[in-house]
Each structure stands twice: as C-alpha cells, then as structure tokens.
C-alpha atoms as a PDB file:
ATOM      1  CA  UNK A   1      34.251  23.915 -63.390  1.00  0.00           C
ATOM      2  CA  UNK A   2      34.089  22.831 -59.755  1.00  0.00           C
ATOM      3  CA  UNK A   3      37.455  24.407 -58.952  1.00  0.00           C
ATOM      4  CA  UNK A   4      36.393  27.716 -60.624  1.00  0.00           C
ATOM      5  CA  UNK A   5      33.192  27.750 -58.684  1.00  0.00           C
ATOM      6  CA  UNK A   6      34.950  27.105 -55.364  1.00  0.00           C
ATOM      7  CA  UNK A   7      37.335  30.032 -56.170  1.00  0.00           C
ATOM      8  CA  UNK A   8      34.432  32.294 -57.094  1.00  0.00           C
ATOM      9  CA  UNK A   9      32.710  31.482 -53.803  1.00  0.00           C
ATOM     10  CA  UNK A  10      35.939  32.354 -51.913  1.00  0.00           C
ATOM     11  CA  UNK A  11      36.136  35.723 -53.744  1.00  0.00           C
ATOM     12  CA  UNK A  12      32.497  36.373 -52.933  1.00  0.00           C
ATOM     13  CA  UNK A  13      33.075  35.597 -49.261  1.00  0.00           C
ATOM     14  CA  UNK A  14      36.085  37.975 -49.203  1.00  0.00           C
ATOM     15  CA  UNK A  15      34.088  40.758 -50.830  1.00  0.00           C
ATOM     16  CA  UNK A  16      31.264  40.376 -48.302  1.00  0.00           C
ATOM     17  CA  UNK A  17      33.841  40.486 -45.481  1.00  0.00           C
ATOM     18  CA  UNK A  18      35.193  43.804 -46.772  1.00  0.00           C
ATOM     19  CA  UNK A  19      31.723  45.279 -46.920  1.00  0.00           C
ATOM     20  CA  UNK A  20      31.021  44.296 -43.337  1.00  0.00           C
ATOM     21  CA  UNK A  21      34.316  45.858 -42.163  1.00  0.00           C
ATOM     22  CA  UNK A  22      33.220  49.108 -43.811  1.00  0.00           C
ATOM     23  CA  UNK A  23      29.905  48.965 -42.055  1.00  0.00           C
ATOM     24  CA  UNK A  24      27.887  47.831 -45.041  1.00  0.00           C
ATOM     25  CA  UNK A  25      25.417  44.966 -45.208  1.00  0.00           C
ATOM     26  CA  UNK A  26      25.369  42.321 -47.949  1.00  0.00           C
ATOM     27  CA  UNK A  27      22.967  43.246 -50.718  1.00  0.00           C
ATOM     28  CA  UNK A  28      19.852  41.255 -51.335  1.00  0.00           C
ATOM     29  CA  UNK A  29      20.276  39.063 -48.276  1.00  0.00           C
ATOM     30  CA  UNK A  30      16.758  37.721 -48.583  1.00  0.00           C
ATOM     31  CA  UNK A  31      17.409  36.714 -52.186  1.00  0.00           C
ATOM     32  CA  UNK A  32      20.566  34.874 -51.197  1.00  0.00           C
ATOM     33  CA  UNK A  33      18.694  32.982 -48.472  1.00  0.00           C
ATOM     34  CA  UNK A  34      15.902  32.081 -50.858  1.00  0.00           C
ATOM     35  CA  UNK A  35      18.468  30.584 -53.239  1.00  0.00           C
ATOM     36  CA  UNK A  36      19.873  28.272 -50.539  1.00  0.00           C
ATOM     37  CA  UNK A  37      20.548  24.926 -52.316  1.00  0.00           C
ATOM     38  CA  UNK A  38      18.565  21.809 -51.659  1.00  0.00           C
ATOM     39  CA  UNK A  39      20.415  19.130 -49.663  1.00  0.00           C
ATOM     40  CA  UNK A  40      19.617  15.650 -48.446  1.00  0.00           C
ATOM     41  CA  UNK A  41      19.838  14.296 -44.913  1.00  0.00           C
ATOM     42  CA  UNK A  42      22.960  12.212 -44.696  1.00  0.00           C
ATOM     43  CA  UNK A  43      22.060  10.539 -41.418  1.00  0.00           C
ATOM     44  CA  UNK A  44      19.171   8.732 -43.134  1.00  0.00           C
ATOM     45  CA  UNK A  45      21.653   6.172 -44.482  1.00  0.00           C
ATOM     46  CA  UNK A  46      21.272   2.896 -42.523  1.00  0.00           C
ATOM     47  CA  UNK A  47      24.301   0.600 -42.602  1.00  0.00           C
ATOM     48  CA  UNK A  48      22.283  -2.328 -41.289  1.00  0.00           C
ATOM     49  CA  UNK A  49      19.786  -2.001 -44.175  1.00  0.00           C
ATOM     50  CA  UNK A  50      22.660  -1.910 -46.633  1.00  0.00           C
ATOM     51  CA  UNK A  51      24.286  -4.967 -45.070  1.00  0.00           C
ATOM     52  CA  UNK A  52      20.953  -6.836 -45.263  1.00  0.00           C
ATOM     53  CA  UNK A  53      20.855  -6.133 -48.984  1.00  0.00           C
ATOM     54  CA  UNK A  54      24.400  -7.367 -49.407  1.00  0.00           C
ATOM     55  CA  UNK A  55      23.400 -10.559 -47.576  1.00  0.00           C
ATOM     56  CA  UNK A  56      20.529 -11.080 -50.060  1.00  0.00           C
ATOM     57  CA  UNK A  57      22.808 -10.487 -53.048  1.00  0.00           C
ATOM     58  CA  UNK A  58      25.569 -12.854 -51.963  1.00  0.00           C
ATOM     59  CA  UNK A  59      22.950 -15.605 -51.680  1.00  0.00           C
ATOM     60  CA  UNK A  60      23.131 -15.388 -55.489  1.00  0.00           C
ATOM     61  CA  UNK A  61      26.673 -16.711 -55.698  1.00  0.00           C
ATOM     62  CA  UNK A  62      28.691 -17.087 -57.772  1.00  0.00           C
ATOM     63  CA  UNK A  63      27.457 -14.454 -60.192  1.00  0.00           C
ATOM     64  CA  UNK A  64      30.300 -14.126 -62.645  1.00  0.00           C
ATOM     65  CA  UNK A  65      29.442 -12.704 -66.031  1.00  0.00           C
ATOM     66  CA  UNK A  66      27.761 -14.924 -68.592  1.00  0.00           C
ATOM     67  CA  UNK A  67      26.270 -17.306 -65.992  1.00  0.00           C
ATOM     68  CA  UNK A  68      22.667 -17.737 -64.798  1.00  0.00           C
ATOM     69  CA  UNK A  69      23.838 -16.258 -61.450  1.00  0.00           C
ATOM     70  CA  UNK A  70      24.714 -12.956 -63.099  1.00  0.00           C
ATOM     71  CA  UNK A  71      21.371 -12.716 -64.867  1.00  0.00           C
ATOM     72  CA  UNK A  72      19.577 -13.578 -61.677  1.00  0.00           C
ATOM     73  CA  UNK A  73      21.527 -10.916 -59.824  1.00  0.00           C
ATOM     74  CA  UNK A  74      20.594  -8.287 -62.400  1.00  0.00           C
ATOM     75  CA  UNK A  75      16.918  -9.201 -61.990  1.00  0.00           C
ATOM     76  CA  UNK A  76      17.250  -9.068 -58.185  1.00  0.00           C
ATOM     77  CA  UNK A  77      18.778  -5.530 -58.385  1.00  0.00           C
ATOM     78  CA  UNK A  78      15.961  -4.405 -60.686  1.00  0.00           C
ATOM     79  CA  UNK A  79      13.306  -5.803 -58.330  1.00  0.00           C
ATOM     80  CA  UNK A  80      14.890  -4.185 -55.212  1.00  0.00           C
ATOM     81  CA  UNK A  81      15.559  -0.738 -56.632  1.00  0.00           C
ATOM     82  CA  UNK A  82      12.491  -0.217 -58.874  1.00  0.00           C
ATOM     83  CA  UNK A  83      10.073   0.841 -56.025  1.00  0.00           C
ATOM     84  CA  UNK A  84      12.352   3.812 -55.076  1.00  0.00           C
ATOM     85  CA  UNK A  85      13.373   5.217 -58.516  1.00  0.00           C
ATOM     86  CA  UNK A  86      11.518   6.750 -61.446  1.00  0.00           C
ATOM     87  CA  UNK A  87      12.747   4.329 -64.102  1.00  0.00           C
ATOM     88  CA  UNK A  88      14.732   1.087 -64.176  1.00  0.00           C
ATOM     89  CA  UNK A  89      15.763  -1.209 -66.959  1.00  0.00           C
ATOM     90  CA  UNK A  90      18.076  -4.134 -67.642  1.00  0.00           C
ATOM     91  CA  UNK A  91      20.272  -3.582 -70.690  1.00  0.00           C
ATOM     92  CA  UNK A  92      21.192  -7.002 -71.970  1.00  0.00           C
ATOM     93  CA  UNK A  93      23.942  -6.925 -74.570  1.00  0.00           C
ATOM     94  CA  UNK A  94      26.578  -9.123 -76.203  1.00  0.00           C
ATOM     95  CA  UNK A  95      30.221  -8.259 -76.187  1.00  0.00           C
ATOM     96  CA  UNK A  96      33.412  -9.905 -77.414  1.00  0.00           C
ATOM     97  CA  UNK A  97      35.637 -11.469 -74.795  1.00  0.00           C
ATOM     98  CA  UNK A  98      38.870 -13.370 -74.855  1.00  0.00           C
ATOM     99  CA  UNK A  99      36.785 -16.594 -74.705  1.00  0.00           C
ATOM    100  CA  UNK A 100      34.312 -15.503 -77.338  1.00  0.00           C
ATOM    101  CA  UNK A 101      30.993 -13.573 -77.382  1.00  0.00           C
ATOM    102  CA  UNK A 102      29.331 -13.274 -73.981  1.00  0.00           C
ATOM    103  CA  UNK A 103      25.989 -11.880 -72.757  1.00  0.00           C
ATOM    104  CA  UNK A 104      26.052  -9.169 -70.070  1.00  0.00           C
ATOM    105  CA  UNK A 105      23.287  -7.376 -68.129  1.00  0.00           C
ATOM    106  CA  UNK A 106      23.664  -3.733 -66.958  1.00  0.00           C
ATOM    107  CA  UNK A 107      20.984  -2.379 -64.635  1.00  0.00           C
ATOM    108  CA  UNK A 108      20.291   1.366 -65.097  1.00  0.00           C
ATOM    109  CA  UNK A 109      17.973   3.163 -62.651  1.00  0.00           C
ATOM    110  CA  UNK A 110      17.116   6.812 -62.695  1.00  0.00           C
ATOM    111  CA  UNK A 111      15.892   9.262 -60.047  1.00  0.00           C
ATOM    112  CA  UNK A 112      15.008  12.500 -61.829  1.00  0.00           C
ATOM    113  CA  UNK A 113      16.282  15.858 -60.571  1.00  0.00           C
ATOM    114  CA  UNK A 114      15.154  19.440 -61.115  1.00  0.00           C
ATOM    115  CA  UNK A 115      17.971  20.441 -63.459  1.00  0.00           C
ATOM    116  CA  UNK A 116      19.569  19.338 -66.708  1.00  0.00           C
ATOM    117  CA  UNK A 117      22.744  17.728 -65.300  1.00  0.00           C
ATOM    118  CA  UNK A 118      23.283  14.111 -64.237  1.00  0.00           C
ATOM    119  CA  UNK A 119      25.388  12.436 -61.560  1.00  0.00           C
ATOM    120  CA  UNK A 120      26.116   8.742 -61.981  1.00  0.00           C
ATOM    121  CA  UNK A 121      26.603   6.472 -58.961  1.00  0.00           C
ATOM    122  CA  UNK A 122      28.154   3.226 -60.134  1.00  0.00           C
ATOM    123  CA  UNK A 123      28.876  -0.273 -58.847  1.00  0.00           C
ATOM    124  CA  UNK A 124      29.626  -3.585 -60.469  1.00  0.00           C
ATOM    125  CA  UNK A 125      27.753  -6.713 -59.281  1.00  0.00           C
ATOM    126  CA  UNK A 126      29.620  -9.516 -61.047  1.00  0.00           C
ATOM    127  CA  UNK A 127      32.088 -11.738 -59.251  1.00  0.00           C
ATOM    128  CA  UNK A 128      35.514 -12.969 -60.246  1.00  0.00           C
ATOM    129  CA  UNK A 129      35.205 -16.254 -62.106  1.00  0.00           C
ATOM    130  CA  UNK A 130      37.182 -19.374 -61.167  1.00  0.00           C
ATOM    131  CA  UNK A 131      37.410 -18.828 -57.374  1.00  0.00           C
ATOM    132  CA  UNK A 132      35.010 -21.483 -56.204  1.00  0.00           C
ATOM    133  CA  UNK A 133      31.393 -22.591 -56.496  1.00  0.00           C
ATOM    134  CA  UNK A 134      30.552 -20.858 -53.183  1.00  0.00           C
ATOM    135  CA  UNK A 135      32.531 -17.580 -53.763  1.00  0.00           C
ATOM    136  CA  UNK A 136      30.477 -14.702 -52.297  1.00  0.00           C
ATOM    137  CA  UNK A 137      32.236 -11.537 -53.417  1.00  0.00           C
ATOM    138  CA  UNK A 138      30.688  -9.898 -50.334  1.00  0.00           C
ATOM    139  CA  UNK A 139      33.022  -6.880 -50.483  1.00  0.00           C
ATOM    140  CA  UNK A 140      33.956  -7.001 -54.157  1.00  0.00           C
ATOM    141  CA  UNK A 141      31.057  -6.444 -55.529  1.00  0.00           C
ATOM    142  CA  UNK A 142      28.354  -7.044 -52.955  1.00  0.00           C
ATOM    143  CA  UNK A 143      29.150  -4.097 -50.620  1.00  0.00           C
ATOM    144  CA  UNK A 144      28.834  -1.388 -53.207  1.00  0.00           C
ATOM    145  CA  UNK A 145      25.755  -2.885 -54.834  1.00  0.00           C
ATOM    146  CA  UNK A 146      23.885  -3.195 -51.571  1.00  0.00           C
ATOM    147  CA  UNK A 147      24.836   0.326 -50.554  1.00  0.00           C
ATOM    148  CA  UNK A 148      23.720   1.867 -53.879  1.00  0.00           C
ATOM    149  CA  UNK A 149      20.234   0.379 -53.390  1.00  0.00           C
ATOM    150  CA  UNK A 150      20.183   1.734 -49.864  1.00  0.00           C
ATOM    151  CA  UNK A 151      21.194   5.173 -51.197  1.00  0.00           C
ATOM    152  CA  UNK A 152      18.345   5.004 -53.693  1.00  0.00           C
ATOM    153  CA  UNK A 153      15.897   4.398 -50.842  1.00  0.00           C
ATOM    154  CA  UNK A 154      17.232   7.375 -48.920  1.00  0.00           C
ATOM    155  CA  UNK A 155      17.205   9.762 -51.865  1.00  0.00           C
ATOM    156  CA  UNK A 156      13.684   8.652 -52.833  1.00  0.00           C
ATOM    157  CA  UNK A 157      12.398  10.188 -49.578  1.00  0.00           C
ATOM    158  CA  UNK A 158      14.326  13.445 -49.873  1.00  0.00           C
ATOM    159  CA  UNK A 159      13.826  16.696 -51.821  1.00  0.00           C
ATOM    160  CA  UNK A 160      14.865  16.302 -55.471  1.00  0.00           C
ATOM    161  CA  UNK A 161      18.395  17.486 -56.128  1.00  0.00           C
ATOM    162  CA  UNK A 162      19.213  19.871 -59.021  1.00  0.00           C
ATOM    163  CA  UNK A 163      20.588  16.929 -61.072  1.00  0.00           C
ATOM    164  CA  UNK A 164      19.247  13.587 -62.102  1.00  0.00           C
ATOM    165  CA  UNK A 165      20.868  10.654 -60.337  1.00  0.00           C
ATOM    166  CA  UNK A 166      21.577   7.496 -62.300  1.00  0.00           C
ATOM    167  CA  UNK A 167      22.289   4.300 -60.339  1.00  0.00           C
ATOM    168  CA  UNK A 168      24.381   2.184 -62.730  1.00  0.00           C
ATOM    169  CA  UNK A 169      25.034  -1.426 -61.856  1.00  0.00           C
ATOM    170  CA  UNK A 170      27.664  -2.800 -64.189  1.00  0.00           C
ATOM    171  CA  UNK A 171      28.174  -6.342 -65.316  1.00  0.00           C
ATOM    172  CA  UNK A 172      31.552  -7.616 -66.582  1.00  0.00           C
ATOM    173  CA  UNK A 173      33.862  -5.442 -64.483  1.00  0.00           C
ATOM    174  CA  UNK A 174      36.024  -8.467 -63.618  1.00  0.00           C
ATOM    175  CA  UNK A 175      38.486  -9.704 -66.187  1.00  0.00           C
ATOM    176  CA  UNK A 176      38.977 -13.371 -67.067  1.00  0.00           C
ATOM    177  CA  UNK A 177      42.749 -13.175 -67.543  1.00  0.00           C
ATOM    178  CA  UNK A 178      44.105  -9.681 -67.839  1.00  0.00           C
ATOM    179  CA  UNK A 179      42.373  -6.365 -68.430  1.00  0.00           C
ATOM    180  CA  UNK A 180      42.259  -5.315 -72.036  1.00  0.00           C
ATOM    181  CA  UNK A 181      39.915  -4.177 -74.822  1.00  0.00           C
ATOM    182  CA  UNK A 182      38.035  -7.546 -74.708  1.00  0.00           C
ATOM    183  CA  UNK A 183      38.562  -8.495 -71.056  1.00  0.00           C
ATOM    184  CA  UNK A 184      36.947  -6.582 -68.184  1.00  0.00           C
ATOM    185  CA  UNK A 185      35.045  -3.305 -67.777  1.00  0.00           C
ATOM    186  CA  UNK A 186      32.440  -4.535 -70.277  1.00  0.00           C
ATOM    187  CA  UNK A 187      29.443  -2.914 -68.615  1.00  0.00           C
ATOM    188  CA  UNK A 188      30.999   0.504 -67.973  1.00  0.00           C
ATOM    189  CA  UNK A 189      32.437   0.693 -71.488  1.00  0.00           C
ATOM    190  CA  UNK A 190      29.044  -0.205 -72.871  1.00  0.00           C
ATOM    191  CA  UNK A 191      27.296   2.509 -70.872  1.00  0.00           C
ATOM    192  CA  UNK A 192      29.765   5.336 -71.565  1.00  0.00           C
ATOM    193  CA  UNK A 193      29.546   4.414 -75.248  1.00  0.00           C
ATOM    194  CA  UNK A 194      25.783   4.713 -75.131  1.00  0.00           C
ATOM    195  CA  UNK A 195      25.996   8.114 -73.491  1.00  0.00           C
ATOM    196  CA  UNK A 196      28.492   9.297 -76.046  1.00  0.00           C
ATOM    197  CA  UNK A 197      26.378   8.085 -78.941  1.00  0.00           C
ATOM    198  CA  UNK A 198      23.307   9.825 -77.618  1.00  0.00           C
ATOM    199  CA  UNK A 199      25.157  13.056 -76.947  1.00  0.00           C
ATOM    200  CA  UNK A 200      24.549  12.884 -73.176  1.00  0.00           C
ATOM    201  CA  UNK A 201      28.196  12.851 -71.943  1.00  0.00           C
ATOM    202  CA  UNK A 202      28.306  16.658 -71.743  1.00  0.00           C
ATOM    203  CA  UNK A 203      25.408  16.581 -69.239  1.00  0.00           C
ATOM    204  CA  UNK A 204      27.331  14.381 -66.800  1.00  0.00           C
ATOM    205  CA  UNK A 205      28.370  16.491 -63.814  1.00  0.00           C
ATOM    206  CA  UNK A 206      30.165  13.642 -62.035  1.00  0.00           C
ATOM    207  CA  UNK A 207      30.599   9.897 -61.957  1.00  0.00           C
ATOM    208  CA  UNK A 208      31.202   8.306 -58.525  1.00  0.00           C
ATOM    209  CA  UNK A 209      32.075   4.622 -58.633  1.00  0.00           C
ATOM    210  CA  UNK A 210      31.942   2.621 -55.357  1.00  0.00           C
ATOM    211  CA  UNK A 211      33.872  -0.650 -55.056  1.00  0.00           C
ATOM    212  CA  UNK A 212      35.057  -2.812 -52.110  1.00  0.00           C
ATOM    213  CA  UNK A 213      33.763  -0.350 -49.478  1.00  0.00           C
ATOM    214  CA  UNK A 214      32.480  -2.739 -46.799  1.00  0.00           C
ATOM    215  CA  UNK A 215      35.747  -3.836 -45.160  1.00  0.00           C
ATOM    216  CA  UNK A 216      35.592  -3.873 -41.355  1.00  0.00           C
ATOM    217  CA  UNK A 217      38.961  -2.175 -41.300  1.00  0.00           C
ATOM    218  CA  UNK A 218      37.981   0.567 -43.721  1.00  0.00           C
ATOM    219  CA  UNK A 219      40.836   2.275 -45.618  1.00  0.00           C
ATOM    220  CA  UNK A 220      39.609   4.123 -48.684  1.00  0.00           C
ATOM    221  CA  UNK A 221      42.412   4.328 -51.201  1.00  0.00           C
ATOM    222  CA  UNK A 222      41.338   6.903 -53.799  1.00  0.00           C
ATOM    223  CA  UNK A 223      43.332   6.295 -57.002  1.00  0.00           C
ATOM    224  CA  UNK A 224      45.363   8.966 -58.787  1.00  0.00           C
ATOM    225  CA  UNK A 225      43.396   8.556 -61.985  1.00  0.00           C
ATOM    226  CA  UNK A 226      40.388  10.502 -60.732  1.00  0.00           C
ATOM    227  CA  UNK A 227      39.344  14.140 -61.012  1.00  0.00           C
ATOM    228  CA  UNK A 228      41.176  16.278 -58.470  1.00  0.00           C
ATOM    229  CA  UNK A 229      38.202  18.505 -57.613  1.00  0.00           C
ATOM    230  CA  UNK A 230      36.056  15.470 -56.819  1.00  0.00           C
ATOM    231  CA  UNK A 231      38.861  13.887 -54.780  1.00  0.00           C
ATOM    232  CA  UNK A 232      39.065  17.105 -52.756  1.00  0.00           C
ATOM    233  CA  UNK A 233      35.248  16.972 -52.173  1.00  0.00           C
ATOM    234  CA  UNK A 234      35.615  13.340 -50.982  1.00  0.00           C
ATOM    235  CA  UNK A 235      38.233  14.336 -48.364  1.00  0.00           C
ATOM    236  CA  UNK A 236      36.104  17.269 -47.264  1.00  0.00           C
ATOM    237  CA  UNK A 237      33.026  14.991 -46.944  1.00  0.00           C
ATOM    238  CA  UNK A 238      34.999  12.381 -45.008  1.00  0.00           C
ATOM    239  CA  UNK A 239      36.243  15.126 -42.602  1.00  0.00           C
ATOM    240  CA  UNK A 240      32.688  16.338 -42.114  1.00  0.00           C
ATOM    241  CA  UNK A 241      31.588  12.784 -41.392  1.00  0.00           C
ATOM    242  CA  UNK A 242      34.409  12.332 -38.883  1.00  0.00           C
ATOM    243  CA  UNK A 243      36.167   9.594 -40.814  1.00  0.00           C
ATOM    244  CA  UNK A 244      38.941  11.556 -42.531  1.00  0.00           C
ATOM    245  CA  UNK A 245      41.625   9.183 -41.109  1.00  0.00           C
ATOM    246  CA  UNK A 246      40.058   6.354 -43.118  1.00  0.00           C
ATOM    247  CA  UNK A 247      40.636   8.111 -46.474  1.00  0.00           C
ATOM    248  CA  UNK A 248      43.902   8.586 -48.360  1.00  0.00           C
ATOM    249  CA  UNK A 249      45.291   8.744 -51.851  1.00  0.00           C
ATOM    250  CA  UNK A 250      46.506   5.505 -53.403  1.00  0.00           C
ATOM    251  CA  UNK A 251      50.110   5.354 -54.634  1.00  0.00           C
ATOM    252  CA  UNK A 252      49.006   5.017 -58.254  1.00  0.00           C
ATOM    253  CA  UNK A 253      46.172   4.455 -60.639  1.00  0.00           C
ATOM    254  CA  UNK A 254      43.455   1.825 -60.252  1.00  0.00           C
ATOM    255  CA  UNK A 255      41.674   0.099 -63.108  1.00  0.00           C
ATOM    256  CA  UNK A 256      37.999   0.108 -62.231  1.00  0.00           C
ATOM    257  CA  UNK A 257      34.653   1.088 -63.787  1.00  0.00           C
ATOM    258  CA  UNK A 258      35.437   4.829 -63.448  1.00  0.00           C
ATOM    259  CA  UNK A 259      38.216   4.492 -66.089  1.00  0.00           C
ATOM    260  CA  UNK A 260      36.036   4.474 -69.292  1.00  0.00           C
ATOM    261  CA  UNK A 261      34.453   7.755 -68.114  1.00  0.00           C
ATOM    262  CA  UNK A 262      37.759   9.289 -66.981  1.00  0.00           C
ATOM    263  CA  UNK A 263      39.339   8.532 -70.337  1.00  0.00           C
ATOM    264  CA  UNK A 264      36.577  10.525 -72.055  1.00  0.00           C
ATOM    265  CA  UNK A 265      37.126  13.566 -69.891  1.00  0.00           C
ATOM    266  CA  UNK A 266      34.089  13.058 -67.558  1.00  0.00           C
ATOM    267  CA  UNK A 267      34.682  14.176 -63.936  1.00  0.00           C
ATOM    268  CA  UNK A 268      35.131  10.927 -62.042  1.00  0.00           C
ATOM    269  CA  UNK A 269      35.755   9.664 -58.504  1.00  0.00           C
ATOM    270  CA  UNK A 270      36.513   6.135 -57.375  1.00  0.00           C
ATOM    271  CA  UNK A 271      35.859   5.273 -53.760  1.00  0.00           C
ATOM    272  CA  UNK A 272      37.646   1.951 -53.236  1.00  0.00           C
ATOM    273  CA  UNK A 273      39.294   0.202 -50.327  1.00  0.00           C
ATOM    274  CA  UNK A 274      42.106  -1.799 -51.907  1.00  0.00           C
ATOM    275  CA  UNK A 275      43.361  -3.094 -48.553  1.00  0.00           C
ATOM    276  CA  UNK A 276      40.915  -5.844 -47.752  1.00  0.00           C
ATOM    277  CA  UNK A 277      42.959  -8.323 -45.790  1.00  0.00           C
ATOM    278  CA  UNK A 278      44.042 -10.020 -42.582  1.00  0.00           C
ATOM    279  CA  UNK A 279      46.285  -7.094 -41.515  1.00  0.00           C
ATOM    280  CA  UNK A 280      46.599  -3.376 -42.285  1.00  0.00           C
ATOM    281  CA  UNK A 281      48.100  -2.742 -45.722  1.00  0.00           C
ATOM    282  CA  UNK A 282      47.330  -6.262 -46.974  1.00  0.00           C
ATOM    283  CA  UNK A 283      44.773  -7.215 -49.604  1.00  0.00           C
ATOM    284  CA  UNK A 284      44.906 -10.933 -49.094  1.00  0.00           C
ATOM    285  CA  UNK A 285      41.114 -11.419 -48.903  1.00  0.00           C
ATOM    286  CA  UNK A 286      40.626 -10.009 -52.409  1.00  0.00           C
ATOM    287  CA  UNK A 287      39.537 -12.635 -54.968  1.00  0.00           C
ATOM    288  CA  UNK A 288      39.636 -15.358 -52.361  1.00  0.00           C
ATOM    289  CA  UNK A 289      37.119 -17.300 -50.307  1.00  0.00           C
ATOM    290  CA  UNK A 290      37.808 -14.810 -47.459  1.00  0.00           C
ATOM    291  CA  UNK A 291      35.846 -12.191 -49.338  1.00  0.00           C
ATOM    292  CA  UNK A 292      32.731 -13.161 -47.317  1.00  0.00           C
ATOM    293  CA  UNK A 293      30.072 -11.578 -45.183  1.00  0.00           C
ATOM    294  CA  UNK A 294      32.006 -12.162 -41.993  1.00  0.00           C
ATOM    295  CA  UNK A 295      34.647  -9.661 -43.146  1.00  0.00           C
ATOM    296  CA  UNK A 296      32.448  -6.660 -43.935  1.00  0.00           C
ATOM    297  CA  UNK A 297      30.539  -4.363 -41.604  1.00  0.00           C
ATOM    298  CA  UNK A 298      27.396  -2.211 -41.477  1.00  0.00           C
ATOM    299  CA  UNK A 299      29.462   0.581 -39.992  1.00  0.00           C
ATOM    300  CA  UNK A 300      31.763   0.851 -42.988  1.00  0.00           C
ATOM    301  CA  UNK A 301      28.813   0.746 -45.372  1.00  0.00           C
ATOM    302  CA  UNK A 302      27.151   3.569 -43.384  1.00  0.00           C
ATOM    303  CA  UNK A 303      30.321   5.698 -43.428  1.00  0.00           C
ATOM    304  CA  UNK A 304      30.654   5.413 -47.181  1.00  0.00           C
ATOM    305  CA  UNK A 305      26.971   6.007 -47.785  1.00  0.00           C
ATOM    306  CA  UNK A 306      27.010   9.216 -45.751  1.00  0.00           C
ATOM    307  CA  UNK A 307      30.235  10.459 -47.307  1.00  0.00           C
ATOM    308  CA  UNK A 308      28.672   9.890 -50.725  1.00  0.00           C
ATOM    309  CA  UNK A 309      25.560  11.890 -49.827  1.00  0.00           C
ATOM    310  CA  UNK A 310      27.728  14.709 -48.484  1.00  0.00           C
ATOM    311  CA  UNK A 311      29.506  14.811 -51.873  1.00  0.00           C
ATOM    312  CA  UNK A 312      26.110  14.966 -53.617  1.00  0.00           C
ATOM    313  CA  UNK A 313      25.156  17.895 -51.367  1.00  0.00           C
ATOM    314  CA  UNK A 314      28.370  19.652 -52.248  1.00  0.00           C
ATOM    315  CA  UNK A 315      27.747  19.120 -55.962  1.00  0.00           C
ATOM    316  CA  UNK A 316      24.181  20.451 -55.511  1.00  0.00           C
ATOM    317  CA  UNK A 317      25.515  23.538 -53.817  1.00  0.00           C
ATOM    318  CA  UNK A 318      27.738  24.273 -56.805  1.00  0.00           C
END
C-alpha cells in the first residue's frame, strides 16, 4: 500500500508539472492546502529526558522474565507512561517455557488517533538471565524502553495523528537457551495473537520495534526481514535528520519482537544497532556487564527518537 501511494503521488506531481508547463494552474489548490496532513514536531524529542528514564529503569536490575524485577519494571513503565496516554494496562499472562510455565507482564499503552488505523511502537524491557546480579541491560532493553516513554510524552502534547499509536512494552523477548516456540519472544507472540483473535491485525498500518538504540557509536543495522517500504521510509527519515550515515542494512535477518508480526504479514520495521561494542563492527558489549549506562548516550537516543517521529509523519501523510 505504501509503495502504491508513493507511486501515485509521483504521478500526481508529474501531472501537475505538465499543467504548469502548459500555463494551467492546479485545480482546487485551496482544497489541497486544506487537506495538508497533520504532523508532529520532531525536535521536541529530548535525549536527556530519555536517558534519565533509562537510568531509572536500570535501577531495577536485573529484570529478567519471571522475576520480581520484571514485574516491578512493568509497574514502573505503567506509572511513568500513564499520565501521557489515554489508556494503559499490564497484561499478566502465563506461557510455557523450556523450564516450565512462567509468568510474563506486557505493558500496553494507547494514544488515540483520529482515524481507524493503528501504528505500534514496540520495545522489550526484560534483561537476559544469567549474566550477573547487577546486570543493567542499559542498551538492550533500557534504551528503547526509556525512549518510548519519552516519545509518548512528546506525542501527548502534539496534534493527534490520523492513526492510534500503541506503545507496546514486551516481556520475555530474551531466550533462556535458544530461540524457539517456547523460548523467547513471549510477549510479542502473545500480543500479536491477541490482535489476530480480536480481528484487529488488519487495522495495523505499521509496527516499529526499537531495540539496542542507545549506543554512543550509533550504527543502526536494519535487518532484511522487515517491510521494504518501511525500511525506505527509515532511510529517508534518517537523511532528513542528518544521520543517514548511521543507518545501513544488516547482512541478514534478525530475530526480534518484530518477527511475530512480520510472519503474519503485518508491515514491520526493526530499528536495532547490533554493533554495541568496544570497536566498530564489534558487538562485544551485548549480553555482558559492559551493557551499562556509561556506554549509551542521550545523543543517540535523540537521533532515533526524531527519526521515529519522522517516520510517523510520513505514515500520516500517506
């Protein structure tokens, strides 16, 4: 749909150009101006605010699924985001895992739009188990969770977009041993299943999952298993923000919370920096004690936040 609409807009622009060459004026110019789409101010995103939220979250560490830390983190997210959204709830559910049944807590917050479509902004908040008793997970999963709450604050003070925005904070993204039907992606599989059962999947215009986006040396590696039209919008948004050199395609697929949606044919985008390490191209901080606050930055959070809002503005224009 997005690709068709971009093509139609190009044809429209070419037709208008022909009319102008022939000395004609575009018809109904006032009507076209009146129909100008609503957009949000991208420069309202504050990286320092987002970083402060990440700092609060990592104080709840570790927060691996099935632990009191994970439940406390879910409650913290609910308390922080509730004042700037229309609805917010914690969905507590049990799911089978390779170590037996486990309790998970998704946090689903909604900011209503003026139309019938929905855009989901997703993040996971759980940390990898078995690292250490002080493991922060500042980048993987703190950065995206803090930024999503900051984006909710920004969008709360802006004109309502033509689609409802759901801020989905997933529990159970991390696997215990190896990703499979009962190991990892528990929260996102749960949510997409709920949407399918209620008949709401058809109303999803896009799913944008953020993960590991706070690295000081930001290198966004968009995986191949995403929707091409949304990937193109991400590159366009990055160029408009002046950070195009920080975005590239990954060499292959990435298994993240966008996958359950992608497998059901929902347009998806995964903004992830899978090079969080001591040198360019390395990922040696991932799932180690080095995934800490000292290795993420407000600037990177701000870049990703503003790129995300630019993508929302592009979706609103279409």
